[in-house]
Amino acid sequence: MVRSRLSLVICASSASATEVSYLDKVDFLRLQNGSDIRGVAVEGVEGEPVNLTEPVAEAIGAAFNLLHG
C-alpha cells in the first residue's frame, strides 16, 4: 500500500523587494542545542531577549513537517 501526503506550508513575504522579512533575519542555528531547540519565549530574564517567537516556532514546525511529515 502506498500512501501519499500533501503538506501545505505558508511562508510570510514582504511587500517590498528591499525589505527583509523577520524570519530571514533569524539565526536559527543559535536556537540549536545538540538535537534540541532552545530559546527564550517570554520576557522576564534580564539580559536574555525573546528569540523563540510564535513565527519562529511555526517556521521550525513547518520545516520539521517537510522533513519528517
N, C-alpha and C. Protein backbone atom coordinates (compact mmCIF):
# COMPACT_ATOMS: atom_id res chain seq x y z
N MET A 1 0.86 -1.17 0.00
CA MET A 1 0.00 0.00 0.00
C MET A 1 0.90 1.23 0.00
N VAL A 2 0.65 2.13 -0.91
CA VAL A 2 1.40 3.38 -0.99
C VAL A 2 0.49 4.52 -0.55
N ARG A 3 0.96 5.29 0.41
CA ARG A 3 0.20 6.45 0.88
C ARG A 3 0.95 7.71 0.52
N SER A 4 0.25 8.68 0.07
CA SER A 4 0.89 9.97 -0.21
C SER A 4 0.36 10.99 0.78
N ARG A 5 1.16 11.98 1.00
CA ARG A 5 0.80 13.01 1.96
C ARG A 5 1.12 14.37 1.37
N LEU A 6 0.18 15.26 1.38
CA LEU A 6 0.38 16.60 0.86
C LEU A 6 0.50 17.57 2.03
N SER A 7 1.58 18.33 2.04
CA SER A 7 1.80 19.31 3.10
C SER A 7 1.67 20.71 2.53
N LEU A 8 1.05 21.57 3.29
CA LEU A 8 0.91 22.97 2.91
C LEU A 8 1.73 23.80 3.88
N VAL A 9 2.66 24.57 3.35
CA VAL A 9 3.49 25.44 4.17
C VAL A 9 3.23 26.87 3.70
N ILE A 10 2.85 27.73 4.60
CA ILE A 10 2.60 29.12 4.29
C ILE A 10 3.76 29.94 4.81
N CYS A 11 4.40 30.68 3.94
CA CYS A 11 5.55 31.50 4.32
C CYS A 11 5.18 32.97 4.19
N ALA A 12 5.71 33.75 5.08
CA ALA A 12 5.48 35.20 5.03
C ALA A 12 6.33 35.80 3.92
N SER A 13 5.80 36.79 3.24
CA SER A 13 6.58 37.50 2.24
C SER A 13 6.47 38.99 2.52
N SER A 14 7.47 39.71 2.09
CA SER A 14 7.46 41.15 2.33
C SER A 14 6.86 41.87 1.12
N ALA A 15 6.33 43.05 1.37
CA ALA A 15 5.71 43.84 0.31
C ALA A 15 6.76 44.49 -0.58
N SER A 16 7.94 44.69 -0.08
CA SER A 16 8.99 45.39 -0.81
C SER A 16 10.14 44.43 -1.10
N ALA A 17 10.75 44.55 -2.26
CA ALA A 17 11.88 43.70 -2.60
C ALA A 17 13.11 44.05 -1.78
N THR A 18 13.18 45.26 -1.25
CA THR A 18 14.34 45.67 -0.46
C THR A 18 14.15 45.39 1.02
N GLU A 19 12.94 45.14 1.43
CA GLU A 19 12.67 44.86 2.84
C GLU A 19 12.95 43.38 3.12
N VAL A 20 13.65 43.11 4.21
CA VAL A 20 13.96 41.73 4.59
C VAL A 20 12.93 41.29 5.61
N SER A 21 12.32 40.14 5.36
CA SER A 21 11.30 39.66 6.28
C SER A 21 11.93 39.29 7.62
N TYR A 22 11.11 39.27 8.65
CA TYR A 22 11.55 38.97 10.01
C TYR A 22 12.27 37.62 10.08
N LEU A 23 11.71 36.59 9.45
CA LEU A 23 12.29 35.26 9.53
C LEU A 23 13.61 35.14 8.79
N ASP A 24 13.83 36.01 7.80
CA ASP A 24 15.11 36.00 7.09
C ASP A 24 16.26 36.47 7.99
N LYS A 25 15.93 37.22 9.03
CA LYS A 25 16.96 37.75 9.93
C LYS A 25 17.19 36.87 11.15
N VAL A 26 16.42 35.81 11.32
CA VAL A 26 16.54 34.94 12.50
C VAL A 26 17.71 33.97 12.29
N ASP A 27 18.58 33.87 13.27
CA ASP A 27 19.68 32.91 13.22
C ASP A 27 19.18 31.63 13.89
N PHE A 28 18.60 30.75 13.09
CA PHE A 28 18.01 29.52 13.61
C PHE A 28 19.05 28.62 14.29
N LEU A 29 20.29 28.67 13.84
CA LEU A 29 21.32 27.83 14.44
C LEU A 29 21.63 28.22 15.88
N ARG A 30 21.38 29.47 16.25
CA ARG A 30 21.58 29.88 17.64
C ARG A 30 20.56 29.24 18.57
N LEU A 31 19.44 28.78 18.00
CA LEU A 31 18.41 28.11 18.80
C LEU A 31 18.71 26.62 18.97
N GLN A 32 19.69 26.12 18.22
CA GLN A 32 20.01 24.70 18.30
C GLN A 32 20.91 24.42 19.49
N ASN A 33 20.57 23.36 20.23
CA ASN A 33 21.37 22.91 21.35
C ASN A 33 21.45 21.39 21.24
N GLY A 34 22.46 20.91 20.53
CA GLY A 34 22.53 19.49 20.24
C GLY A 34 21.38 19.13 19.30
N SER A 35 20.54 18.21 19.72
CA SER A 35 19.39 17.85 18.90
C SER A 35 18.12 18.57 19.36
N ASP A 36 18.25 19.47 20.31
CA ASP A 36 17.11 20.22 20.84
C ASP A 36 17.06 21.62 20.25
N ILE A 37 15.88 22.24 20.38
CA ILE A 37 15.70 23.65 20.07
C ILE A 37 15.48 24.36 21.39
N ARG A 38 16.28 25.35 21.68
CA ARG A 38 16.15 26.09 22.94
C ARG A 38 16.13 27.58 22.65
N GLY A 39 15.26 28.27 23.32
CA GLY A 39 15.20 29.70 23.15
C GLY A 39 14.39 30.33 24.26
N VAL A 40 14.33 31.65 24.26
CA VAL A 40 13.58 32.41 25.25
C VAL A 40 12.27 32.82 24.60
N ALA A 41 11.16 32.36 25.16
CA ALA A 41 9.84 32.62 24.58
C ALA A 41 9.08 33.74 25.30
N VAL A 42 9.49 34.08 26.51
CA VAL A 42 8.77 35.07 27.31
C VAL A 42 9.77 36.02 27.95
N GLU A 43 9.45 37.32 27.92
CA GLU A 43 10.30 38.31 28.58
C GLU A 43 10.30 38.08 30.09
N GLY A 44 11.38 38.49 30.73
CA GLY A 44 11.40 38.39 32.18
C GLY A 44 12.77 38.10 32.76
N VAL A 45 13.70 37.62 31.94
CA VAL A 45 15.05 37.35 32.42
C VAL A 45 15.95 38.44 31.86
N GLU A 46 16.55 39.22 32.76
CA GLU A 46 17.39 40.33 32.34
C GLU A 46 18.57 39.84 31.50
N GLY A 47 18.81 40.51 30.39
CA GLY A 47 19.93 40.16 29.52
C GLY A 47 19.63 39.05 28.53
N GLU A 48 18.43 38.50 28.56
CA GLU A 48 18.06 37.44 27.62
C GLU A 48 16.84 37.88 26.81
N PRO A 49 17.06 38.35 25.58
CA PRO A 49 15.94 38.80 24.75
C PRO A 49 15.12 37.61 24.24
N VAL A 50 13.86 37.87 23.96
CA VAL A 50 12.99 36.84 23.40
C VAL A 50 13.48 36.53 21.99
N ASN A 51 13.76 35.26 21.72
CA ASN A 51 14.20 34.85 20.39
C ASN A 51 13.42 33.66 19.84
N LEU A 52 12.53 33.11 20.64
CA LEU A 52 11.69 32.00 20.20
C LEU A 52 10.25 32.49 20.15
N THR A 53 9.96 33.26 19.11
CA THR A 53 8.65 33.86 18.94
C THR A 53 7.70 32.87 18.25
N GLU A 54 6.43 33.23 18.18
CA GLU A 54 5.46 32.36 17.52
C GLU A 54 5.81 32.12 16.04
N PRO A 55 6.16 33.16 15.27
CA PRO A 55 6.53 32.89 13.87
C PRO A 55 7.75 31.98 13.74
N VAL A 56 8.73 32.12 14.64
CA VAL A 56 9.91 31.26 14.60
C VAL A 56 9.52 29.82 14.91
N ALA A 57 8.68 29.62 15.92
CA ALA A 57 8.23 28.27 16.27
C ALA A 57 7.44 27.65 15.12
N GLU A 58 6.60 28.45 14.46
CA GLU A 58 5.84 27.95 13.31
C GLU A 58 6.77 27.56 12.16
N ALA A 59 7.80 28.35 11.91
CA ALA A 59 8.75 28.03 10.84
C ALA A 59 9.50 26.75 11.14
N ILE A 60 9.90 26.56 12.39
CA ILE A 60 10.60 25.33 12.79
C ILE A 60 9.67 24.14 12.63
N GLY A 61 8.42 24.29 13.06
CA GLY A 61 7.44 23.20 12.92
C GLY A 61 7.18 22.86 11.47
N ALA A 62 7.07 23.87 10.61
CA ALA A 62 6.83 23.63 9.18
C ALA A 62 8.02 22.91 8.55
N ALA A 63 9.23 23.32 8.92
CA ALA A 63 10.42 22.65 8.39
C ALA A 63 10.49 21.21 8.86
N PHE A 64 10.18 20.96 10.12
CA PHE A 64 10.17 19.59 10.64
C PHE A 64 9.16 18.74 9.88
N ASN A 65 7.98 19.33 9.61
CA ASN A 65 6.94 18.60 8.88
C ASN A 65 7.39 18.26 7.47
N LEU A 66 8.11 19.18 6.82
CA LEU A 66 8.62 18.90 5.48
C LEU A 66 9.61 17.75 5.48
N LEU A 67 10.46 17.70 6.52
CA LEU A 67 11.47 16.66 6.60
C LEU A 67 10.93 15.32 7.07
N HIS A 68 9.98 15.35 7.98
CA HIS A 68 9.52 14.11 8.63
C HIS A 68 8.05 13.83 8.47
N GLY A 69 7.33 14.71 7.75
CA GLY A 69 5.88 14.59 7.66
C GLY A 69 5.37 13.62 6.71
